[in-house]
Amino acid sequence: MTLDTTRISPGDLAALLGSRLCHDLISPLGAIGNGVELLEMSPDYPGVSNSPELQLIAESVKAARARIQAFRMAFGQAQGDQRIARAELLRLLEGVSSQGRLRIELEADGDFARIEIRMVMLALMCMETAMPWGGRVLVLRKLPGWRLISESDRMRPDPALWSWLGPDAEGPARPPAPSEVQFALMAEAARGAGRRLSWDMDEKGAEIAF
């Protein structure tokens, strides 16, 4: 007798794995942050809070926690009925820019469906790939969708990679490297949400819309 089993789609399984990894990484980083705070308050180590070494540790832990929260949104599980407040979105955007060279601005009000914010975070990570020398990204919500518009003095175009983000009769030109997995995930998220995805790029900037 064969028992019925519930199968999980590869996309959902990858999202569950992403959520688990990010959750487990946040805990030890939180413990390190708490330890730094205790050192700063301890009378046994006068002046330690002003030491450049401890400040570097504190700043690094803060940036790492913010970045992992951004990863958790981009790579983790997203249910269609979950909502994200604007203040939380701003914190997530800070997580993307905290250790990079992007300046991110937000023009959006209200609260937002988590699946949309997941796509915003993936789109920003795609922008990062094309802007290794830094630049500015405007995240704009204008019904019925979102636009991410970037400007940079120098772009790194890769049409074969970016073909994941738009309709192409022949399909994407090449598979992404591990550091480029956000392109495939963005395409999959758009398909799953029934969103039309488009992009454009020139030597001074790029745009992703959905």
Protein backbone atom coordinates (compact mmCIF):
# COMPACT_ATOMS: atom_id res chain seq x y z
CA MET A 1 0.00 0.00 0.00
CA THR A 2 1.38 3.40 -1.03
CA LEU A 3 0.69 6.32 1.26
CA ASP A 4 -0.27 9.68 -0.21
CA THR A 5 2.31 12.37 0.43
CA THR A 6 2.19 16.13 0.05
CA ARG A 7 4.76 17.41 -2.40
CA ILE A 8 6.32 20.86 -2.18
CA SER A 9 7.15 22.70 -5.37
CA PRO A 10 10.86 23.48 -5.94
CA GLY A 11 10.15 27.21 -5.64
CA ASP A 12 8.33 26.85 -2.31
CA LEU A 13 11.01 24.49 -1.02
CA ALA A 14 13.75 27.00 -1.90
CA ALA A 15 11.78 29.76 -0.11
CA LEU A 16 11.39 27.61 3.00
CA LEU A 17 15.12 26.90 2.97
CA GLY A 18 15.87 30.61 2.62
CA SER A 19 13.61 31.45 5.55
CA ARG A 20 15.22 28.77 7.72
CA LEU A 21 18.80 29.84 6.95
CA CYS A 22 18.10 33.52 7.57
CA HIS A 23 16.25 32.75 10.81
CA ASP A 24 19.12 30.65 12.13
CA LEU A 25 21.73 33.27 11.18
CA ILE A 26 19.88 36.14 12.85
CA SER A 27 20.02 34.48 16.31
CA PRO A 28 23.83 34.31 16.74
CA LEU A 29 24.21 37.82 15.33
CA GLY A 30 21.70 39.03 17.90
CA ALA A 31 23.73 37.33 20.63
CA ILE A 32 26.92 39.07 19.43
CA GLY A 33 25.10 42.40 19.43
CA ASN A 34 23.88 41.82 22.98
CA GLY A 35 27.39 40.92 24.06
CA VAL A 36 28.74 44.17 22.62
CA GLU A 37 26.10 46.15 24.51
CA LEU A 38 27.01 44.39 27.77
CA LEU A 39 30.68 45.20 27.25
CA GLU A 40 29.83 48.85 26.67
CA MET A 41 27.86 48.99 29.95
CA SER A 42 30.32 46.98 32.05
CA PRO A 43 32.32 48.90 34.69
CA ASP A 44 35.10 46.34 34.29
CA TYR A 45 36.05 47.76 30.89
CA PRO A 46 36.08 51.56 31.21
CA GLY A 47 36.28 53.37 27.88
CA VAL A 48 35.80 50.22 25.83
CA SER A 49 32.68 51.67 24.17
CA ASN A 50 34.86 54.34 22.54
CA SER A 51 37.41 51.90 21.18
CA PRO A 52 37.53 51.71 17.37
CA GLU A 53 37.67 47.92 17.54
CA LEU A 54 34.38 47.60 19.44
CA GLN A 55 32.71 50.24 17.29
CA LEU A 56 33.74 48.30 14.19
CA ILE A 57 32.25 45.10 15.63
CA ALA A 58 29.00 46.87 16.57
CA GLU A 59 28.64 48.49 13.15
CA SER A 60 29.43 45.23 11.35
CA VAL A 61 26.87 43.26 13.38
CA LYS A 62 24.20 45.91 12.76
CA ALA A 63 24.89 45.92 9.02
CA ALA A 64 24.93 42.11 8.85
CA ARG A 65 21.60 41.81 10.68
CA ALA A 66 20.03 44.38 8.35
CA ARG A 67 21.38 42.58 5.30
CA ILE A 68 20.07 39.20 6.47
CA GLN A 69 16.63 40.72 7.05
CA ALA A 70 16.75 41.90 3.44
CA PHE A 71 17.77 38.38 2.35
CA ARG A 72 14.94 36.91 4.40
CA MET A 73 12.42 39.05 2.54
CA ALA A 74 13.95 38.36 -0.88
CA PHE A 75 14.68 34.64 -0.53
CA GLY A 76 12.17 33.55 2.12
CA GLN A 77 8.57 32.47 2.00
CA ALA A 78 5.93 35.10 1.15
CA GLN A 79 2.21 34.57 1.60
CA GLY A 80 -0.14 36.62 -0.54
CA ASP A 81 -2.15 38.04 2.37
CA GLN A 82 0.81 39.30 4.41
CA ARG A 83 1.33 43.07 4.51
CA ILE A 84 4.47 45.15 4.99
CA ALA A 85 4.36 48.66 6.48
CA ARG A 86 6.29 51.52 4.86
CA ALA A 87 8.57 51.86 7.92
CA GLU A 88 9.56 48.20 7.64
CA LEU A 89 10.21 48.60 3.92
CA LEU A 90 12.53 51.52 4.67
CA ARG A 91 14.49 49.34 7.11
CA LEU A 92 14.79 46.63 4.47
CA LEU A 93 16.09 49.12 1.91
CA GLU A 94 18.66 50.31 4.43
CA GLY A 95 19.75 46.69 4.75
CA VAL A 96 20.48 46.54 1.03
CA SER A 97 22.43 49.80 1.01
CA SER A 98 24.19 49.49 4.39
CA GLN A 99 27.22 47.58 3.08
CA GLY A 100 27.05 48.59 -0.56
CA ARG A 101 27.41 51.66 -2.71
CA LEU A 102 23.77 52.17 -3.63
CA ARG A 103 21.76 55.17 -2.47
CA ILE A 104 18.14 54.06 -2.37
CA GLU A 105 15.16 56.42 -2.27
CA LEU A 106 11.56 55.37 -1.73
CA GLU A 107 8.47 57.03 -3.19
CA ALA A 108 5.60 54.89 -1.92
CA ASP A 109 2.91 55.30 0.72
CA GLY A 110 0.69 52.95 2.68
CA ASP A 111 1.35 49.29 3.31
CA PHE A 112 2.14 46.66 0.72
CA ALA A 113 1.64 42.99 -0.06
CA ARG A 114 4.64 40.94 1.04
CA ILE A 115 4.90 39.25 -2.36
CA GLU A 116 5.35 42.70 -3.93
CA ILE A 117 8.08 43.66 -1.46
CA ARG A 118 9.82 40.36 -2.11
CA MET A 119 9.94 41.31 -5.79
CA VAL A 120 11.19 44.81 -4.92
CA MET A 121 14.06 43.33 -2.92
CA LEU A 122 14.97 40.87 -5.67
CA ALA A 123 14.86 43.69 -8.23
CA LEU A 124 17.22 45.78 -6.09
CA MET A 125 19.65 42.88 -5.92
CA CYS A 126 19.49 42.65 -9.70
CA MET A 127 20.29 46.38 -9.85
CA GLU A 128 23.28 45.83 -7.54
CA THR A 129 24.71 43.33 -10.01
CA ALA A 130 24.67 45.94 -12.78
CA MET A 131 25.99 48.74 -10.54
CA PRO A 132 29.13 47.42 -8.78
CA TRP A 133 30.58 50.95 -8.75
CA GLY A 134 27.53 52.39 -7.02
CA GLY A 135 24.78 54.79 -7.94
CA ARG A 136 21.25 55.87 -7.07
CA VAL A 137 18.05 53.80 -7.21
CA LEU A 138 14.55 55.23 -6.96
CA VAL A 139 11.90 52.74 -5.80
CA LEU A 140 8.58 54.08 -7.03
CA ARG A 141 5.11 52.67 -6.46
CA LYS A 142 2.64 54.05 -8.92
CA LEU A 143 -0.50 52.03 -9.53
CA PRO A 144 -0.90 49.52 -10.97
CA GLY A 145 2.68 48.49 -10.19
CA TRP A 146 6.26 49.26 -9.19
CA ARG A 147 9.21 50.84 -11.00
CA LEU A 148 12.85 50.79 -9.94
CA ILE A 149 14.91 53.39 -11.76
CA SER A 150 18.67 53.55 -11.35
CA GLU A 151 21.33 56.07 -12.32
CA SER A 152 25.06 55.50 -12.35
CA ASP A 153 28.15 56.95 -13.99
CA ARG A 154 29.14 53.45 -15.00
CA MET A 155 27.01 50.36 -15.60
CA ARG A 156 27.95 46.73 -16.20
CA PRO A 157 25.48 45.51 -18.83
CA ASP A 158 24.84 41.79 -19.22
CA PRO A 159 21.88 41.25 -21.59
CA ALA A 160 22.27 37.47 -21.41
CA LEU A 161 21.65 37.60 -17.66
CA TRP A 162 18.98 40.29 -17.74
CA SER A 163 17.00 38.33 -20.32
CA TRP A 164 15.60 36.42 -17.32
CA LEU A 165 13.53 39.52 -16.51
CA GLY A 166 11.63 39.93 -19.74
CA PRO A 167 9.64 38.02 -22.35
CA ASP A 168 11.94 36.23 -24.73
CA ALA A 169 10.79 33.68 -27.28
CA GLU A 170 14.07 31.80 -26.93
CA GLY A 171 14.22 32.03 -23.14
CA PRO A 172 17.13 33.26 -20.97
CA ALA A 173 20.50 33.16 -22.72
CA ARG A 174 22.41 31.53 -19.85
CA PRO A 175 21.86 30.18 -16.34
CA PRO A 176 22.75 32.52 -13.46
CA ALA A 177 25.80 32.06 -11.26
CA PRO A 178 25.18 31.66 -7.50
CA SER A 179 25.74 35.40 -7.01
CA GLU A 180 23.12 36.06 -9.73
CA VAL A 181 20.34 33.74 -8.51
CA GLN A 182 18.11 36.76 -7.84
CA PHE A 183 17.42 37.02 -11.59
CA ALA A 184 15.91 33.54 -11.81
CA LEU A 185 14.04 34.05 -8.53
CA MET A 186 12.65 37.37 -9.76
CA ALA A 187 11.36 35.73 -12.93
CA GLU A 188 9.79 32.91 -10.92
CA ALA A 189 8.19 35.33 -8.43
CA ALA A 190 6.66 37.36 -11.27
CA ARG A 191 5.23 34.23 -12.88
CA GLY A 192 3.84 33.01 -9.58
CA ALA A 193 2.17 36.37 -8.85
CA GLY A 194 0.86 36.78 -12.40
CA ARG A 195 2.86 40.01 -12.86
CA ARG A 196 4.23 41.29 -16.15
CA LEU A 197 7.95 41.98 -15.78
CA SER A 198 10.02 44.29 -17.97
CA TRP A 199 13.44 45.93 -17.95
CA ASP A 200 15.61 48.39 -19.84
CA MET A 201 19.25 49.46 -19.57
CA ASP A 202 21.72 51.85 -21.12
CA GLU A 203 25.18 53.10 -20.22
CA LYS A 204 23.84 55.47 -17.54
CA GLY A 205 21.16 53.46 -15.77
CA ALA A 206 18.53 50.75 -15.76
CA GLU A 207 14.85 50.23 -15.02
CA ILE A 208 12.85 47.26 -13.77
CA ALA A 209 9.06 47.40 -13.72
CA PHE A 210 6.33 44.99 -12.69
